[in-house]
């Protein structure tokens, strides 16, 4: 089977992301900032949004645990775009080159549906994508095999027809188990070499 399409992750592949970008502006003391991000607004807490939970519910629970942090917790949603860093260097050019060659582009992202609605209008790179599966909208998260099965059906990409690009090895392994070619992302240069080897880029 010929590889004919590319399926991307978003965070840490196309865009940098870290709640620290927001809270470093709000918490000047480094020790308190580290404590807040390791105990209050943690990656594990945020992951609930990727799985489909609403910020109204997760924030209420977190405020009940940490009532003294209410003001900072409540800022997470309205200022969420400030958690997004710069585009990953070199990746916009790779997407543009693939699109110019007529390679179908897709994405599977662990992302809150609420926050995706804020982010998507700021990211024109996705105008080149045929379809994007957002975990929070589907209530399925990588590396659950079900989200890859959904993607194969929705993208109409059979076994061996796509390369899946993600920074997390567990997500890549799950894509390989689903029948796609996996690439663990580290940087644009190594991805470009891989895509060239697979004849998706010239």
Protein backbone atom coordinates (compact mmCIF):
# COMPACT_ATOMS: atom_id res chain seq x y z
CA UNK A 1 0.00 0.00 0.00
CA UNK A 2 1.35 3.45 -0.93
CA UNK A 3 1.55 6.18 1.69
CA UNK A 4 -0.57 8.98 0.30
CA UNK A 5 -1.50 11.19 3.28
CA UNK A 6 -0.07 12.75 6.43
CA UNK A 7 -1.83 12.82 9.81
CA UNK A 8 -0.47 15.29 12.35
CA UNK A 9 -0.68 15.85 16.06
CA UNK A 10 -0.98 19.54 16.99
CA UNK A 11 0.60 20.29 20.38
CA UNK A 12 4.42 20.14 20.35
CA UNK A 13 4.34 19.20 16.65
CA UNK A 14 2.74 22.20 14.97
CA UNK A 15 2.45 24.55 17.96
CA UNK A 16 4.18 24.80 21.31
CA UNK A 17 1.87 24.73 24.33
CA UNK A 18 2.35 25.08 28.07
CA UNK A 19 0.16 26.60 30.83
CA UNK A 20 3.38 28.10 32.18
CA UNK A 21 3.27 30.68 29.38
CA UNK A 22 0.12 32.15 30.92
CA UNK A 23 0.85 31.73 34.61
CA UNK A 24 4.40 33.07 34.43
CA UNK A 25 2.74 36.41 33.69
CA UNK A 26 0.48 36.11 36.72
CA UNK A 27 2.73 34.53 39.37
CA UNK A 28 6.06 36.39 39.61
CA UNK A 29 7.60 34.18 42.30
CA UNK A 30 9.28 31.17 40.58
CA UNK A 31 8.81 28.82 43.54
CA UNK A 32 5.11 29.63 43.84
CA UNK A 33 4.71 29.30 40.07
CA UNK A 34 6.26 25.82 40.15
CA UNK A 35 4.03 24.83 43.06
CA UNK A 36 0.89 26.11 41.31
CA UNK A 37 1.64 24.24 38.09
CA UNK A 38 2.54 21.00 39.88
CA UNK A 39 -0.41 21.02 42.32
CA UNK A 40 -3.25 23.16 40.98
CA UNK A 41 -3.38 23.77 37.22
CA UNK A 42 -1.56 20.59 36.27
CA UNK A 43 -1.30 18.77 32.95
CA UNK A 44 -3.38 15.95 34.44
CA UNK A 45 -6.13 18.40 35.40
CA UNK A 46 -6.05 19.97 31.94
CA UNK A 47 -6.25 16.54 30.27
CA UNK A 48 -9.85 16.26 31.49
CA UNK A 49 -10.76 18.96 28.95
CA UNK A 50 -9.09 16.97 26.17
CA UNK A 51 -11.32 14.06 27.19
CA UNK A 52 -14.44 16.17 26.82
CA UNK A 53 -15.12 17.66 30.25
CA UNK A 54 -16.28 21.28 30.43
CA UNK A 55 -14.13 23.94 32.09
CA UNK A 56 -17.13 25.02 34.18
CA UNK A 57 -17.12 21.58 35.82
CA UNK A 58 -13.37 21.04 36.16
CA UNK A 59 -12.76 24.55 37.48
CA UNK A 60 -15.51 24.24 40.09
CA UNK A 61 -13.94 21.02 41.37
CA UNK A 62 -10.47 22.55 41.41
CA UNK A 63 -11.63 25.68 43.23
CA UNK A 64 -13.26 23.47 45.86
CA UNK A 65 -9.85 21.83 46.39
CA UNK A 66 -7.88 25.09 46.29
CA UNK A 67 -10.24 27.93 47.23
CA UNK A 68 -7.36 30.36 47.77
CA UNK A 69 -6.43 29.94 44.10
CA UNK A 70 -9.89 30.78 42.73
CA UNK A 71 -8.86 33.94 40.91
CA UNK A 72 -5.99 32.26 39.08
CA UNK A 73 -8.01 29.15 38.22
CA UNK A 74 -10.86 31.25 36.83
CA UNK A 75 -8.47 33.00 34.44
CA UNK A 76 -7.51 29.74 32.72
CA UNK A 77 -10.37 29.64 30.21
CA UNK A 78 -10.70 33.33 29.28
CA UNK A 79 -6.93 33.64 28.85
CA UNK A 80 -6.33 30.15 27.48
CA UNK A 81 -4.86 31.38 24.19
CA UNK A 82 -1.93 32.69 26.23
CA UNK A 83 -0.95 29.08 26.97
CA UNK A 84 -0.16 28.61 23.27
CA UNK A 85 3.43 29.29 22.31
CA UNK A 86 4.97 29.89 18.92
CA UNK A 87 4.51 27.62 15.90
CA UNK A 88 7.12 24.85 15.98
CA UNK A 89 10.02 26.04 13.78
CA UNK A 90 9.92 24.75 10.23
CA UNK A 91 6.58 23.02 10.48
CA UNK A 92 4.43 25.58 8.65
CA UNK A 93 6.79 25.24 5.68
CA UNK A 94 6.46 21.45 5.71
CA UNK A 95 2.66 21.66 5.81
CA UNK A 96 2.71 24.16 2.94
CA UNK A 97 5.05 21.96 0.89
CA UNK A 98 2.89 18.87 1.40
CA UNK A 99 -0.24 20.81 0.51
CA UNK A 100 1.41 22.19 -2.62
CA UNK A 101 2.19 18.63 -3.71
CA UNK A 102 -1.44 17.62 -3.24
CA UNK A 103 -0.82 15.40 -0.21
CA UNK A 104 -4.03 15.12 1.85
CA UNK A 105 -3.50 16.51 5.36
CA UNK A 106 -5.34 15.47 8.51
CA UNK A 107 -4.90 15.82 12.26
CA UNK A 108 -5.81 13.93 15.42
CA UNK A 109 -5.35 16.15 18.43
CA UNK A 110 -5.93 15.74 22.15
CA UNK A 111 -7.61 19.11 22.58
CA UNK A 112 -10.56 20.55 24.45
CA UNK A 113 -13.47 21.32 22.14
CA UNK A 114 -14.00 24.59 24.03
CA UNK A 115 -10.40 25.66 23.65
CA UNK A 116 -10.18 24.44 20.06
CA UNK A 117 -12.98 26.86 19.15
CA UNK A 118 -10.79 29.67 20.51
CA UNK A 119 -7.58 28.44 18.93
CA UNK A 120 -8.63 27.35 15.44
CA UNK A 121 -9.39 30.88 14.12
CA UNK A 122 -5.88 31.98 15.14
CA UNK A 123 -4.15 29.17 13.20
CA UNK A 124 -4.51 29.51 9.41
CA UNK A 125 -2.14 26.57 8.90
CA UNK A 126 -5.19 24.33 9.35
CA UNK A 127 -6.89 25.81 6.31
CA UNK A 128 -4.84 23.26 4.33
CA UNK A 129 -6.24 20.31 6.31
CA UNK A 130 -9.06 18.15 4.97
CA UNK A 131 -10.30 17.06 8.40
CA UNK A 132 -9.26 17.30 12.07
CA UNK A 133 -10.40 15.01 14.86
CA UNK A 134 -10.56 16.89 18.18
CA UNK A 135 -10.57 14.55 21.15
CA UNK A 136 -12.77 16.75 23.33
CA UNK A 137 -15.50 16.80 20.69
CA UNK A 138 -15.37 13.02 20.24
CA UNK A 139 -14.76 12.16 23.91
CA UNK A 140 -11.97 9.87 22.77
CA UNK A 141 -8.31 10.57 23.47
CA UNK A 142 -5.02 9.28 22.10
CA UNK A 143 -3.69 6.63 22.53
CA UNK A 144 -7.11 4.92 22.79
CA UNK A 145 -7.37 2.64 19.73
CA UNK A 146 -10.93 3.88 19.24
CA UNK A 147 -9.81 7.34 18.16
CA UNK A 148 -7.56 5.85 15.47
CA UNK A 149 -10.37 3.59 14.27
CA UNK A 150 -12.60 6.65 14.03
CA UNK A 151 -9.89 8.52 12.11
CA UNK A 152 -9.39 5.71 9.62
CA UNK A 153 -13.11 5.67 8.89
CA UNK A 154 -13.55 9.43 8.72
CA UNK A 155 -10.37 10.13 6.77
CA UNK A 156 -10.94 7.05 4.55
CA UNK A 157 -7.29 6.08 5.04
CA UNK A 158 -6.69 2.36 5.12
CA UNK A 159 -3.78 0.40 6.58
CA UNK A 160 -0.47 1.67 5.21
CA UNK A 161 -1.92 4.75 3.51
CA UNK A 162 -0.80 7.42 6.00
CA UNK A 163 2.12 8.56 8.07
CA UNK A 164 1.13 9.62 11.59
CA UNK A 165 3.31 12.29 13.24
CA UNK A 166 3.22 12.80 17.02
CA UNK A 167 5.72 13.71 19.70
CA UNK A 168 4.51 11.05 22.16
CA UNK A 169 5.79 7.50 21.67
CA UNK A 170 2.60 5.93 23.06
CA UNK A 171 0.49 7.80 20.52
CA UNK A 172 2.81 6.77 17.69
CA UNK A 173 2.74 3.14 18.82
CA UNK A 174 -1.06 3.18 18.85
CA UNK A 175 -1.14 4.57 15.31
CA UNK A 176 1.25 1.85 14.18
CA UNK A 177 -0.96 -0.76 15.84
CA UNK A 178 -3.86 0.71 13.83
CA UNK A 179 -1.90 0.11 10.64
CA UNK A 180 -0.35 3.47 9.82
CA UNK A 181 3.32 4.36 9.52
CA UNK A 182 4.46 6.13 12.68
CA UNK A 183 6.94 8.96 13.14
CA UNK A 184 7.89 10.23 16.59
CA UNK A 185 8.39 13.94 16.09
CA UNK A 186 11.53 15.63 17.40
CA UNK A 187 12.13 18.45 14.92
CA UNK A 188 11.19 19.64 11.46
CA UNK A 189 14.49 18.68 9.84
CA UNK A 190 14.24 14.99 10.72
CA UNK A 191 10.57 14.90 9.73
CA UNK A 192 11.39 16.48 6.37
CA UNK A 193 14.00 13.79 5.76
CA UNK A 194 11.47 11.07 6.58
CA UNK A 195 8.80 12.58 4.33
CA UNK A 196 11.31 12.89 1.53
CA UNK A 197 12.33 9.25 1.97
CA UNK A 198 8.65 8.29 1.75
CA UNK A 199 8.32 10.38 -1.43
CA UNK A 200 5.71 12.69 0.08
CA UNK A 201 8.18 15.55 -0.34
CA UNK A 202 10.64 16.04 -3.16
